[in-house]
Amino acid sequence: MGEPAPLPQPTKVCRTCNRELPATRDYFGDNVGYRKPDGGRYLRGQCRRCCSRLGKERDSRARDVAREVKAAAGPAKWVPRVVGGDGPEGGFTEHPDDGYRFVCVPDSHGYLIDEEAASAALAFVRYYRPVRIFMLGDHVDFAAISRFDKPPSDIDRIGEDVAACVKLLKAVRESAPGARITYLKGNHEARFARFLWKHQEVAALFKAEGMDLPHLLKLGEVNIEWEESGSIMVTPALMVKHGHMVRARAGYTATGELERNGISGISGHTHRLGQIYKRNRTGMMTWVESGCLCKYDPDYMDGQLSDWAQGLSFGTVSLKGRGFTVHTAPIIKGRVKTLAGDIGE
């Protein structure tokens, strides 16, 4: 009698490429997640070739994400002055997810800053550890060089105004030493340019000394970028700007900005806190008014009750597509109110 016919070798179909291959470790490898009753391991559902290819694709995507994070939160581009011998201060902080966190710091208005609200905002920055920070503008007031009628005391406060802004910028950098920080020009910063247009002799002096507003505010010393346009595209679907539109109530300006720009965004300027949503055929859009960090009762309010709201906005940006999240947080009695609890000094 001849030898018995060999038993057919068991086969297994790869769930990715649908190839039928011998069901052995040479072709499929061990599945480390499960064990058989006898202590052995099951085989993977994907063949070795597909596992290797998918692993390389994951590694490639991870490298792409790392490059995107570095590009989004890399060293500041505007560095007129370097502090220290190791190059520009700043850099980036990479997070384990596939995106990065950001915080928008709204209008503080120089000497009109509310120190308690500002301290709460800085405490939130330290808690949230953002990769990017957007200073939304109007962090100086420049009442002394405005076109409005002003008391003589405002002239004496111009130095105090600049000093308060410089102090805030330094505190923001200390609270987020690795973040990329961008200062967006607001309408109160624009007062400085209009003043120089009217006083060409002062403009010539500033030019001769190599000075401009970013130098006056010492942005180079704390490695903060200056955005002259007052707005920046964070992603193709999200913009951040100071804003110039003002409507009657919280949320009204956000509606106007969303209608005008046609994409989601974040703005300051109104000193109000609000968020609105709009859905169209392209999807859901949102716009945020970020509140303020200034006092509720400046001199020019003359006893009126402002409808302002101290607060800030924050969120995340995805690096895999156009996705993002945006949230608002009011500041009440020196505490930032968030779902994580009250945050403050």
C-alpha atoms as a PDB file:
ATOM      1  CA  MET A   1       0.000   0.000   0.000  1.00  0.00           C
ATOM      2  CA  GLY A   2       1.177   3.485  -0.789  1.00  0.00           C
ATOM      3  CA  GLU A   3       1.743   6.356   1.627  1.00  0.00           C
ATOM      4  CA  PRO A   4      -1.452   8.143   2.764  1.00  0.00           C
ATOM      5  CA  ALA A   5      -2.128  11.426   0.977  1.00  0.00           C
ATOM      6  CA  PRO A   6      -0.980  14.437   2.987  1.00  0.00           C
ATOM      7  CA  LEU A   7      -3.700  16.401   4.717  1.00  0.00           C
ATOM      8  CA  PRO A   8      -4.514  19.668   2.989  1.00  0.00           C
ATOM      9  CA  GLN A   9      -2.694  22.612   4.551  1.00  0.00           C
ATOM     10  CA  PRO A  10      -5.089  25.048   6.259  1.00  0.00           C
ATOM     11  CA  THR A  11      -5.347  28.452   4.619  1.00  0.00           C
ATOM     12  CA  LYS A  12      -6.410  31.896   5.775  1.00  0.00           C
ATOM     13  CA  VAL A  13      -7.701  34.922   3.833  1.00  0.00           C
ATOM     14  CA  CYS A  14      -6.079  38.279   4.599  1.00  0.00           C
ATOM     15  CA  ARG A  15      -8.827  40.734   5.501  1.00  0.00           C
ATOM     16  CA  THR A  16      -6.963  43.619   3.821  1.00  0.00           C
ATOM     17  CA  CYS A  17      -5.726  42.262   0.483  1.00  0.00           C
ATOM     18  CA  ASN A  18      -8.114  39.237   0.343  1.00  0.00           C
ATOM     19  CA  ARG A  19      -5.281  36.866  -0.623  1.00  0.00           C
ATOM     20  CA  GLU A  20      -5.599  33.240   0.454  1.00  0.00           C
ATOM     21  CA  LEU A  21      -2.343  32.148   2.088  1.00  0.00           C
ATOM     22  CA  PRO A  22      -1.130  29.238   4.235  1.00  0.00           C
ATOM     23  CA  ALA A  23      -2.340  29.730   7.797  1.00  0.00           C
ATOM     24  CA  THR A  24       1.118  29.780   9.354  1.00  0.00           C
ATOM     25  CA  ARG A  25       3.156  32.268  11.323  1.00  0.00           C
ATOM     26  CA  ASP A  26       5.434  32.718   8.335  1.00  0.00           C
ATOM     27  CA  TYR A  27       2.565  34.341   6.456  1.00  0.00           C
ATOM     28  CA  PHE A  28       0.423  35.918   9.186  1.00  0.00           C
ATOM     29  CA  GLY A  29       2.340  36.227  12.431  1.00  0.00           C
ATOM     30  CA  ASP A  30       1.001  36.080  15.989  1.00  0.00           C
ATOM     31  CA  ASN A  31      -1.970  38.068  17.246  1.00  0.00           C
ATOM     32  CA  VAL A  32      -0.611  39.329  20.570  1.00  0.00           C
ATOM     33  CA  GLY A  33      -4.002  40.443  21.827  1.00  0.00           C
ATOM     34  CA  TYR A  34      -5.589  37.023  22.407  1.00  0.00           C
ATOM     35  CA  ARG A  35      -4.521  33.561  23.588  1.00  0.00           C
ATOM     36  CA  LYS A  36      -5.928  30.108  22.912  1.00  0.00           C
ATOM     37  CA  PRO A  37      -7.092  27.925  25.815  1.00  0.00           C
ATOM     38  CA  ASP A  38      -3.848  25.920  25.547  1.00  0.00           C
ATOM     39  CA  GLY A  39      -1.771  29.082  25.883  1.00  0.00           C
ATOM     40  CA  GLY A  40      -0.938  29.467  22.198  1.00  0.00           C
ATOM     41  CA  ARG A  41      -1.677  32.529  20.099  1.00  0.00           C
ATOM     42  CA  TYR A  42      -4.106  33.087  17.271  1.00  0.00           C
ATOM     43  CA  LEU A  43      -2.870  34.334  13.923  1.00  0.00           C
ATOM     44  CA  ARG A  44      -3.317  37.922  12.782  1.00  0.00           C
ATOM     45  CA  GLY A  45      -6.174  38.800  10.463  1.00  0.00           C
ATOM     46  CA  GLN A  46      -3.771  40.564   8.089  1.00  0.00           C
ATOM     47  CA  CYS A  47      -0.865  38.973   6.276  1.00  0.00           C
ATOM     48  CA  ARG A  48       2.668  40.048   7.040  1.00  0.00           C
ATOM     49  CA  ARG A  49       2.970  42.046   3.824  1.00  0.00           C
ATOM     50  CA  CYS A  50      -0.143  44.110   4.597  1.00  0.00           C
ATOM     51  CA  CYS A  51       0.934  44.598   8.224  1.00  0.00           C
ATOM     52  CA  SER A  52       4.305  45.892   7.065  1.00  0.00           C
ATOM     53  CA  ARG A  53       2.744  48.240   4.503  1.00  0.00           C
ATOM     54  CA  LEU A  54       0.177  49.636   6.957  1.00  0.00           C
ATOM     55  CA  GLY A  55       2.868  50.085   9.582  1.00  0.00           C
ATOM     56  CA  LYS A  56       4.951  52.131   7.166  1.00  0.00           C
ATOM     57  CA  GLU A  57       1.893  54.225   6.290  1.00  0.00           C
ATOM     58  CA  ARG A  58       1.203  54.895   9.990  1.00  0.00           C
ATOM     59  CA  ASP A  59       4.821  55.885  10.536  1.00  0.00           C
ATOM     60  CA  SER A  60       4.642  58.188   7.523  1.00  0.00           C
ATOM     61  CA  ARG A  61       1.455  59.811   8.818  1.00  0.00           C
ATOM     62  CA  ALA A  62       3.026  60.247  12.254  1.00  0.00           C
ATOM     63  CA  ARG A  63       6.016  62.015  10.685  1.00  0.00           C
ATOM     64  CA  ASP A  64       3.682  64.240   8.670  1.00  0.00           C
ATOM     65  CA  VAL A  65       1.741  65.144  11.810  1.00  0.00           C
ATOM     66  CA  ALA A  66       4.970  65.947  13.655  1.00  0.00           C
ATOM     67  CA  ARG A  67       6.041  68.245  10.820  1.00  0.00           C
ATOM     68  CA  GLU A  68       2.618  69.933  10.818  1.00  0.00           C
ATOM     69  CA  VAL A  69       2.790  70.515  14.574  1.00  0.00           C
ATOM     70  CA  LYS A  70       6.254  71.979  14.243  1.00  0.00           C
ATOM     71  CA  ALA A  71       5.133  74.236  11.403  1.00  0.00           C
ATOM     72  CA  ALA A  72       2.052  75.353  13.351  1.00  0.00           C
ATOM     73  CA  ALA A  73       3.900  75.980  16.588  1.00  0.00           C
ATOM     74  CA  GLY A  74       7.487  76.558  15.542  1.00  0.00           C
ATOM     75  CA  PRO A  75       9.760  79.441  16.485  1.00  0.00           C
ATOM     76  CA  ALA A  76       8.400  82.912  15.802  1.00  0.00           C
ATOM     77  CA  LYS A  77       9.150  84.338  12.362  1.00  0.00           C
ATOM     78  CA  TRP A  78       9.349  87.930  13.611  1.00  0.00           C
ATOM     79  CA  VAL A  79      12.474  87.979  15.777  1.00  0.00           C
ATOM     80  CA  PRO A  80      14.100  91.412  15.558  1.00  0.00           C
ATOM     81  CA  ARG A  81      16.074  90.747  18.698  1.00  0.00           C
ATOM     82  CA  VAL A  82      17.335  87.503  20.207  1.00  0.00           C
ATOM     83  CA  VAL A  83      17.500  87.136  23.976  1.00  0.00           C
ATOM     84  CA  GLY A  84      20.059  84.708  25.318  1.00  0.00           C
ATOM     85  CA  GLY A  85      22.913  82.867  23.680  1.00  0.00           C
ATOM     86  CA  ASP A  86      20.959  79.784  22.624  1.00  0.00           C
ATOM     87  CA  GLY A  87      18.900  81.425  19.883  1.00  0.00           C
ATOM     88  CA  PRO A  88      15.344  82.711  19.922  1.00  0.00           C
ATOM     89  CA  GLU A  89      13.248  81.841  22.905  1.00  0.00           C
ATOM     90  CA  GLY A  90      10.045  79.958  22.219  1.00  0.00           C
ATOM     91  CA  GLY A  91       9.626  76.937  20.006  1.00  0.00           C
ATOM     92  CA  PHE A  92       6.871  74.404  20.045  1.00  0.00           C
ATOM     93  CA  THR A  93       5.238  71.905  22.339  1.00  0.00           C
ATOM     94  CA  GLU A  94       4.134  68.690  20.669  1.00  0.00           C
ATOM     95  CA  HIS A  95       1.114  66.934  22.102  1.00  0.00           C
ATOM     96  CA  PRO A  96       0.415  63.191  21.817  1.00  0.00           C
ATOM     97  CA  ASP A  97      -2.782  63.712  19.832  1.00  0.00           C
ATOM     98  CA  ASP A  98      -2.888  64.635  16.162  1.00  0.00           C
ATOM     99  CA  GLY A  99      -3.522  68.309  16.762  1.00  0.00           C
ATOM    100  CA  TYR A 100      -2.614  71.198  19.008  1.00  0.00           C
ATOM    101  CA  ARG A 101      -4.239  73.475  21.568  1.00  0.00           C
ATOM    102  CA  PHE A 102      -4.614  77.246  21.248  1.00  0.00           C
ATOM    103  CA  VAL A 103      -5.792  80.148  23.405  1.00  0.00           C
ATOM    104  CA  CYS A 104      -7.018  83.590  22.302  1.00  0.00           C
ATOM    105  CA  VAL A 105      -6.230  86.420  24.731  1.00  0.00           C
ATOM    106  CA  PRO A 106      -8.662  89.318  24.118  1.00  0.00           C
ATOM    107  CA  ASP A 107      -8.516  93.083  24.612  1.00  0.00           C
ATOM    108  CA  SER A 108      -6.782  94.293  27.794  1.00  0.00           C
ATOM    109  CA  HIS A 109      -6.317  97.991  26.863  1.00  0.00           C
ATOM    110  CA  GLY A 110      -3.034  98.780  28.526  1.00  0.00           C
ATOM    111  CA  TYR A 111      -3.442 100.727  31.741  1.00  0.00           C
ATOM    112  CA  LEU A 112      -7.168  99.849  31.765  1.00  0.00           C
ATOM    113  CA  ILE A 113      -6.364  96.148  32.285  1.00  0.00           C
ATOM    114  CA  ASP A 114      -8.247  94.330  35.040  1.00  0.00           C
ATOM    115  CA  GLU A 115      -5.390  92.662  36.916  1.00  0.00           C
ATOM    116  CA  GLU A 116      -7.649  90.053  38.504  1.00  0.00           C
ATOM    117  CA  ALA A 117      -9.101  88.986  35.143  1.00  0.00           C
ATOM    118  CA  ALA A 118      -5.648  88.952  33.537  1.00  0.00           C
ATOM    119  CA  SER A 119      -4.260  86.775  36.350  1.00  0.00           C
ATOM    120  CA  ALA A 120      -7.105  84.308  35.803  1.00  0.00           C
ATOM    121  CA  ALA A 121      -6.397  84.200  32.060  1.00  0.00           C
ATOM    122  CA  LEU A 122      -2.696  83.530  32.713  1.00  0.00           C
ATOM    123  CA  ALA A 123      -3.615  80.747  35.153  1.00  0.00           C
ATOM    124  CA  PHE A 124      -5.759  79.195  32.420  1.00  0.00           C
ATOM    125  CA  VAL A 125      -2.848  79.375  29.950  1.00  0.00           C
ATOM    126  CA  ARG A 126      -0.636  77.521  32.412  1.00  0.00           C
ATOM    127  CA  TYR A 127      -3.364  74.918  32.963  1.00  0.00           C
ATOM    128  CA  TYR A 128      -4.262  74.406  29.289  1.00  0.00           C
ATOM    129  CA  ARG A 129      -0.646  74.427  27.951  1.00  0.00           C
ATOM    130  CA  PRO A 130      -1.464  75.769  24.467  1.00  0.00           C
ATOM    131  CA  VAL A 131       0.886  75.329  21.543  1.00  0.00           C
ATOM    132  CA  ARG A 132      -0.311  78.604  19.983  1.00  0.00           C
ATOM    133  CA  ILE A 133      -1.518  81.821  21.589  1.00  0.00           C
ATOM    134  CA  PHE A 134      -3.222  84.618  19.693  1.00  0.00           C
ATOM    135  CA  MET A 135      -3.124  88.046  21.310  1.00  0.00           C
ATOM    136  CA  LEU A 136      -6.269  89.493  19.746  1.00  0.00           C
ATOM    137  CA  GLY A 137      -5.143  93.116  19.741  1.00  0.00           C
ATOM    138  CA  ASP A 138      -6.085  96.246  21.710  1.00  0.00           C
ATOM    139  CA  HIS A 139      -3.573  95.414  24.415  1.00  0.00           C
ATOM    140  CA  VAL A 140      -2.698  99.107  24.448  1.00  0.00           C
ATOM    141  CA  ASP A 141      -5.309 101.834  24.707  1.00  0.00           C
ATOM    142  CA  PHE A 142      -3.439 104.904  23.377  1.00  0.00           C
ATOM    143  CA  ALA A 143      -6.218 107.200  24.550  1.00  0.00           C
ATOM    144  CA  ALA A 144      -3.672 110.032  24.560  1.00  0.00           C
ATOM    145  CA  ILE A 145      -3.300 109.898  20.760  1.00  0.00           C
ATOM    146  CA  SER A 146      -6.904 109.072  19.863  1.00  0.00           C
ATOM    147  CA  ARG A 147      -9.167 111.387  17.841  1.00  0.00           C
ATOM    148  CA  PHE A 148     -11.633 111.601  20.729  1.00  0.00           C
ATOM    149  CA  ASP A 149     -11.752 114.357  23.333  1.00  0.00           C
ATOM    150  CA  LYS A 150      -9.618 113.401  26.290  1.00  0.00           C
ATOM    151  CA  PRO A 151      -8.642 114.763  29.716  1.00  0.00           C
ATOM    152  CA  PRO A 152      -5.060 115.985  30.248  1.00  0.00           C
ATOM    153  CA  SER A 153      -4.418 113.009  32.518  1.00  0.00           C
ATOM    154  CA  ASP A 154      -4.473 110.694  29.471  1.00  0.00           C
ATOM    155  CA  ILE A 155      -1.287 112.340  28.173  1.00  0.00           C
ATOM    156  CA  ASP A 156       0.512 111.376  31.381  1.00  0.00           C
ATOM    157  CA  ARG A 157      -0.701 107.789  31.063  1.00  0.00           C
ATOM    158  CA  ILE A 158       0.834 106.937  27.694  1.00  0.00           C
ATOM    159  CA  GLY A 159       3.982 105.554  29.323  1.00  0.00           C
ATOM    160  CA  GLU A 160       1.866 103.621  31.820  1.00  0.00           C
ATOM    161  CA  ASP A 161      -0.188 102.302  28.903  1.00  0.00           C
ATOM    162  CA  VAL A 162       2.826 100.868  27.052  1.00  0.00           C
ATOM    163  CA  ALA A 163       4.340  99.510  30.272  1.00  0.00           C
ATOM    164  CA  ALA A 164       1.128  97.633  31.115  1.00  0.00           C
ATOM    165  CA  CYS A 165       1.101  95.998  27.682  1.00  0.00           C
ATOM    166  CA  VAL A 166       4.770  95.011  27.936  1.00  0.00           C
ATOM    167  CA  LYS A 167       4.125  93.548  31.399  1.00  0.00           C
ATOM    168  CA  LEU A 168       1.218  91.457  30.091  1.00  0.00           C
ATOM    169  CA  LEU A 169       3.196  90.150  27.107  1.00  0.00           C
ATOM    170  CA  LYS A 170       6.058  89.125  29.374  1.00  0.00           C
ATOM    171  CA  ALA A 171       3.637  87.353  31.719  1.00  0.00           C
ATOM    172  CA  VAL A 172       2.027  85.487  28.801  1.00  0.00           C
ATOM    173  CA  ARG A 173       5.450  84.316  27.611  1.00  0.00           C
ATOM    174  CA  GLU A 174       6.393  83.188  31.115  1.00  0.00           C
ATOM    175  CA  SER A 175       3.096  81.287  31.381  1.00  0.00           C
ATOM    176  CA  ALA A 176       3.709  79.533  28.049  1.00  0.00           C
ATOM    177  CA  PRO A 177       7.485  79.461  27.475  1.00  0.00           C
ATOM    178  CA  GLY A 178       7.248  76.983  24.572  1.00  0.00           C
ATOM    179  CA  ALA A 179       4.254  78.426  22.727  1.00  0.00           C
ATOM    180  CA  ARG A 180       4.215  80.277  19.451  1.00  0.00           C
ATOM    181  CA  ILE A 181       2.602  83.648  20.242  1.00  0.00           C
ATOM    182  CA  THR A 182       1.166  85.991  17.611  1.00  0.00           C
ATOM    183  CA  TYR A 183       0.089  89.571  18.358  1.00  0.00           C
ATOM    184  CA  LEU A 184      -2.690  90.743  16.021  1.00  0.00           C
ATOM    185  CA  LYS A 185      -2.885  94.464  15.366  1.00  0.00           C
ATOM    186  CA  GLY A 186      -6.114  95.998  16.670  1.00  0.00           C
ATOM    187  CA  ASN A 187      -7.769  99.338  16.090  1.00  0.00           C
ATOM    188  CA  HIS A 188      -6.126 100.817  19.192  1.00  0.00           C
ATOM    189  CA  GLU A 189      -2.685  99.780  17.906  1.00  0.00           C
ATOM    190  CA  ALA A 190      -3.694 101.437  14.619  1.00  0.00           C
ATOM    191  CA  ARG A 191      -3.984 104.732  16.519  1.00  0.00           C
ATOM    192  CA  PHE A 192      -0.195 104.742  16.712  1.00  0.00           C
ATOM    193  CA  ALA A 193       0.154 104.573  12.910  1.00  0.00           C
ATOM    194  CA  ARG A 194      -2.405 107.349  12.396  1.00  0.00           C
ATOM    195  CA  PHE A 195      -0.570 109.495  14.952  1.00  0.00           C
ATOM    196  CA  LEU A 196       2.678 109.090  13.002  1.00  0.00           C
ATOM    197  CA  TRP A 197       0.908 109.965   9.739  1.00  0.00           C
ATOM    198  CA  LYS A 198      -0.179 113.267  11.294  1.00  0.00           C
ATOM    199  CA  HIS A 199       3.228 113.957  12.879  1.00  0.00           C
ATOM    200  CA  GLN A 200       5.801 113.193  10.237  1.00  0.00           C
ATOM    201  CA  GLU A 201       8.638 114.644  12.310  1.00  0.00           C
ATOM    202  CA  VAL A 202       7.948 112.065  15.050  1.00  0.00           C
ATOM    203  CA  ALA A 203       7.692 109.351  12.398  1.00  0.00           C
ATOM    204  CA  ALA A 204      11.099 110.402  11.016  1.00  0.00           C
ATOM    205  CA  LEU A 205      12.607 110.219  14.503  1.00  0.00           C
ATOM    206  CA  PHE A 206      11.200 106.743  15.058  1.00  0.00           C
ATOM    207  CA  LYS A 207      12.491 105.619  11.677  1.00  0.00           C
ATOM    208  CA  ALA A 208      15.952 107.014  12.392  1.00  0.00           C
ATOM    209  CA  GLU A 209      16.049 105.066  15.663  1.00  0.00           C
ATOM    210  CA  GLY A 210      14.844 101.874  13.931  1.00  0.00           C
ATOM    211  CA  MET A 211      11.685 101.917  16.025  1.00  0.00           C
ATOM    212  CA  ASP A 212       8.121 100.916  15.315  1.00  0.00           C
ATOM    213  CA  LEU A 213       5.250  99.655  17.465  1.00  0.00           C
ATOM    214  CA  PRO A 214       6.554  96.052  17.731  1.00  0.00           C
ATOM    215  CA  HIS A 215       9.886  97.420  18.974  1.00  0.00           C
ATOM    216  CA  LEU A 216       8.134  99.870  21.311  1.00  0.00           C
ATOM    217  CA  LEU A 217       6.225  96.947  22.825  1.00  0.00           C
ATOM    218  CA  LYS A 218       9.454  94.890  23.016  1.00  0.00           C
ATOM    219  CA  LEU A 219       7.994  91.932  21.162  1.00  0.00           C
ATOM    220  CA  GLY A 220      11.449  90.746  20.130  1.00  0.00           C
ATOM    221  CA  GLU A 221      12.547  90.368  23.735  1.00  0.00           C
ATOM    222  CA  VAL A 222       9.812  87.808  24.384  1.00  0.00           C
ATOM    223  CA  ASN A 223       9.817  86.308  20.871  1.00  0.00           C
ATOM    224  CA  ILE A 224       6.268  87.284  19.912  1.00  0.00           C
ATOM    225  CA  GLU A 225       5.242  87.623  16.252  1.00  0.00           C
ATOM    226  CA  TRP A 226       3.556  90.764  14.984  1.00  0.00           C
ATOM    227  CA  GLU A 227       0.664  90.421  12.520  1.00  0.00           C
ATOM    228  CA  GLU A 228       0.178  93.787  10.824  1.00  0.00           C
ATOM    229  CA  SER A 229      -3.040  92.798   9.036  1.00  0.00           C
ATOM    230  CA  GLY A 230      -4.831  92.045  12.306  1.00  0.00           C
ATOM    231  CA  SER A 231      -6.042  88.644  11.082  1.00  0.00           C
ATOM    232  CA  ILE A 232      -4.581  85.221  10.399  1.00  0.00           C
ATOM    233  CA  MET A 233      -5.816  82.011   8.778  1.00  0.00           C
ATOM    234  CA  VAL A 234      -5.205  79.211  11.275  1.00  0.00           C
ATOM    235  CA  THR A 235      -6.627  76.598   8.891  1.00  0.00           C
ATOM    236  CA  PRO A 236      -8.529  76.943   5.588  1.00  0.00           C
ATOM    237  CA  ALA A 237     -11.710  76.681   7.675  1.00  0.00           C
ATOM    238  CA  LEU A 238     -10.815  78.893  10.680  1.00  0.00           C
ATOM    239  CA  MET A 239      -9.588  82.471  10.936  1.00  0.00           C
ATOM    240  CA  VAL A 240      -8.599  84.567  13.945  1.00  0.00           C
ATOM    241  CA  LYS A 241      -8.828  88.367  13.824  1.00  0.00           C
ATOM    242  CA  HIS A 242      -9.123  91.425  16.002  1.00  0.00           C
ATOM    243  CA  GLY A 243     -12.229  92.622  14.163  1.00  0.00           C
ATOM    244  CA  HIS A 244     -13.676  96.040  13.440  1.00  0.00           C
ATOM    245  CA  MET A 245     -17.407  95.321  13.321  1.00  0.00           C
ATOM    246  CA  VAL A 246     -19.545  96.191  16.351  1.00  0.00           C
ATOM    247  CA  ARG A 247     -23.244  95.392  16.648  1.00  0.00           C
ATOM    248  CA  ALA A 248     -25.722  95.959  19.419  1.00  0.00           C
ATOM    249  CA  ARG A 249     -25.541  92.767  21.491  1.00  0.00           C
ATOM    250  CA  ALA A 250     -23.369  89.751  22.248  1.00  0.00           C
ATOM    251  CA  GLY A 251     -23.584  87.321  19.343  1.00  0.00           C
ATOM    252  CA  TYR A 252     -24.816  89.949  16.868  1.00  0.00           C
ATOM    253  CA  THR A 253     -21.269  90.874  15.862  1.00  0.00           C
ATOM    254  CA  ALA A 254     -20.347  87.188  15.611  1.00  0.00           C
ATOM    255  CA  THR A 255     -23.281  86.720  13.223  1.00  0.00           C
ATOM    256  CA  GLY A 256     -22.123  89.646  11.111  1.00  0.00           C
ATOM    257  CA  GLU A 257     -18.520  88.400  10.990  1.00  0.00           C
ATOM    258  CA  LEU A 258     -19.664  84.916   9.986  1.00  0.00           C
ATOM    259  CA  GLU A 259     -21.867  86.290   7.215  1.00  0.00           C
ATOM    260  CA  ARG A 260     -19.131  88.606   5.959  1.00  0.00           C
ATOM    261  CA  ASN A 261     -16.256  86.098   6.012  1.00  0.00           C
ATOM    262  CA  GLY A 262     -18.139  82.923   5.103  1.00  0.00           C
ATOM    263  CA  ILE A 263     -15.996  80.697   7.340  1.00  0.00           C
ATOM    264  CA  SER A 264     -15.638  80.032  11.059  1.00  0.00           C
ATOM    265  CA  GLY A 265     -13.638  82.444  13.140  1.00  0.00           C
ATOM    266  CA  ILE A 266     -12.683  84.094  16.404  1.00  0.00           C
ATOM    267  CA  SER A 267     -12.527  87.822  17.104  1.00  0.00           C
ATOM    268  CA  GLY A 268     -12.102  90.339  19.889  1.00  0.00           C
ATOM    269  CA  HIS A 269     -12.860  94.078  19.725  1.00  0.00           C
ATOM    270  CA  THR A 270     -16.445  94.092  21.036  1.00  0.00           C
ATOM    271  CA  HIS A 271     -15.568  93.186  24.655  1.00  0.00           C
ATOM    272  CA  ARG A 272     -18.558  90.836  24.554  1.00  0.00           C
ATOM    273  CA  LEU A 273     -18.564  87.079  24.983  1.00  0.00           C
ATOM    274  CA  GLY A 274     -20.650  84.907  22.711  1.00  0.00           C
ATOM    275  CA  GLN A 275     -20.693  82.085  20.189  1.00  0.00           C
ATOM    276  CA  ILE A 276     -23.079  81.409  17.313  1.00  0.00           C
ATOM    277  CA  TYR A 277     -23.448  78.515  14.871  1.00  0.00           C
ATOM    278  CA  LYS A 278     -24.667  78.325  11.294  1.00  0.00           C
ATOM    279  CA  ARG A 279     -25.135  75.298   9.079  1.00  0.00           C
ATOM    280  CA  ASN A 280     -25.122  75.351   5.285  1.00  0.00           C
ATOM    281  CA  ARG A 281     -24.439  72.824   2.530  1.00  0.00           C
ATOM    282  CA  THR A 282     -20.735  72.782   3.329  1.00  0.00           C
ATOM    283  CA  GLY A 283     -21.300  71.883   6.978  1.00  0.00           C
ATOM    284  CA  MET A 284     -21.395  73.596  10.367  1.00  0.00           C
ATOM    285  CA  MET A 285     -19.678  76.926  10.980  1.00  0.00           C
ATOM    286  CA  THR A 286     -19.190  78.950  14.149  1.00  0.00           C
ATOM    287  CA  TRP A 287     -17.941  82.382  15.207  1.00  0.00           C
ATOM    288  CA  VAL A 288     -16.778  83.438  18.656  1.00  0.00           C
ATOM    289  CA  GLU A 289     -16.601  86.841  20.341  1.00  0.00           C
ATOM    290  CA  SER A 290     -13.853  86.419  22.942  1.00  0.00           C
ATOM    291  CA  GLY A 291     -14.741  88.942  25.645  1.00  0.00           C
ATOM    292  CA  CYS A 292     -12.122  91.207  27.228  1.00  0.00           C
ATOM    293  CA  LEU A 293      -9.596  91.506  30.062  1.00  0.00           C
ATOM    294  CA  CYS A 294     -10.126  95.213  30.736  1.00  0.00           C
ATOM    295  CA  LYS A 295     -12.042  96.996  33.478  1.00  0.00           C
ATOM    296  CA  TYR A 296     -15.774  97.359  33.151  1.00  0.00           C
ATOM    297  CA  ASP A 297     -15.822 101.031  34.184  1.00  0.00           C
ATOM    298  CA  PRO A 298     -13.167 103.078  32.326  1.00  0.00           C
ATOM    299  CA  ASP A 299     -13.290 106.861  32.678  1.00  0.00           C
ATOM    300  CA  TYR A 300     -15.004 107.435  29.352  1.00  0.00           C
ATOM    301  CA  MET A 301     -18.013 105.316  30.372  1.00  0.00           C
ATOM    302  CA  ASP A 302     -18.910 108.165  32.762  1.00  0.00           C
ATOM    303  CA  GLY A 303     -21.076 106.119  35.096  1.00  0.00           C
ATOM    304  CA  GLN A 304     -22.739 104.019  32.381  1.00  0.00           C
ATOM    305  CA  LEU A 305     -23.171 100.285  32.806  1.00  0.00           C
ATOM    306  CA  SER A 306     -21.229  98.448  30.076  1.00  0.00           C
ATOM    307  CA  ASP A 307     -22.551  95.185  28.643  1.00  0.00           C
ATOM    308  CA  TRP A 308     -19.032  93.809  28.330  1.00  0.00           C
ATOM    309  CA  ALA A 309     -17.963  90.376  29.564  1.00  0.00           C
ATOM    310  CA  GLN A 310     -14.523  89.367  30.761  1.00  0.00           C
ATOM    311  CA  GLY A 311     -13.415  86.048  29.331  1.00  0.00           C
ATOM    312  CA  LEU A 312     -11.322  84.289  26.708  1.00  0.00           C
ATOM    313  CA  SER A 313     -11.637  81.669  23.985  1.00  0.00           C
ATOM    314  CA  PHE A 314      -9.689  78.482  23.388  1.00  0.00           C
ATOM    315  CA  GLY A 315      -9.788  75.268  21.387  1.00  0.00           C
ATOM    316  CA  THR A 316      -7.938  72.680  19.366  1.00  0.00           C
ATOM    317  CA  VAL A 317      -6.911  72.354  15.725  1.00  0.00           C
ATOM    318  CA  SER A 318      -6.733  68.977  14.000  1.00  0.00           C
ATOM    319  CA  LEU A 319      -3.800  68.226  11.727  1.00  0.00           C
ATOM    320  CA  LYS A 320      -5.561  65.437   9.835  1.00  0.00           C
ATOM    321  CA  GLY A 321      -8.053  67.690   8.084  1.00  0.00           C
ATOM    322  CA  ARG A 322     -10.019  70.895   8.524  1.00  0.00           C
ATOM    323  CA  GLY A 323     -11.408  70.009  11.952  1.00  0.00           C
ATOM    324  CA  PHE A 324     -11.214  72.257  15.003  1.00  0.00           C
ATOM    325  CA  THR A 325     -13.021  73.036  18.239  1.00  0.00           C
ATOM    326  CA  VAL A 326     -13.658  76.486  19.723  1.00  0.00           C
ATOM    327  CA  HIS A 327     -14.988  77.278  23.197  1.00  0.00           C
ATOM    328  CA  THR A 328     -15.607  80.377  25.270  1.00  0.00           C
ATOM    329  CA  ALA A 329     -14.988  80.744  28.996  1.00  0.00           C
ATOM    330  CA  PRO A 330     -16.228  83.662  31.110  1.00  0.00           C
ATOM    331  CA  ILE A 331     -14.083  85.142  33.857  1.00  0.00           C
ATOM    332  CA  ILE A 332     -16.154  85.822  36.977  1.00  0.00           C
ATOM    333  CA  LYS A 333     -14.629  87.182  40.185  1.00  0.00           C
ATOM    334  CA  GLY A 334     -11.119  86.328  39.046  1.00  0.00           C
ATOM    335  CA  ARG A 335     -11.865  82.732  37.996  1.00  0.00           C
ATOM    336  CA  VAL A 336     -12.083  81.230  34.501  1.00  0.00           C
ATOM    337  CA  LYS A 337     -15.261  79.145  34.379  1.00  0.00           C
ATOM    338  CA  THR A 338     -14.761  75.941  32.366  1.00  0.00           C
ATOM    339  CA  LEU A 339     -16.074  72.379  32.392  1.00  0.00           C
ATOM    340  CA  ALA A 340     -12.829  71.414  34.109  1.00  0.00           C
ATOM    341  CA  GLY A 341     -13.797  73.682  37.031  1.00  0.00           C
ATOM    342  CA  ASP A 342     -12.872  77.176  38.156  1.00  0.00           C
ATOM    343  CA  ILE A 343      -9.328  78.136  37.187  1.00  0.00           C
ATOM    344  CA  GLY A 344      -7.497  81.095  38.674  1.00  0.00           C
ATOM    345  CA  GLU A 345      -4.796  82.204  41.044  1.00  0.00           C
END
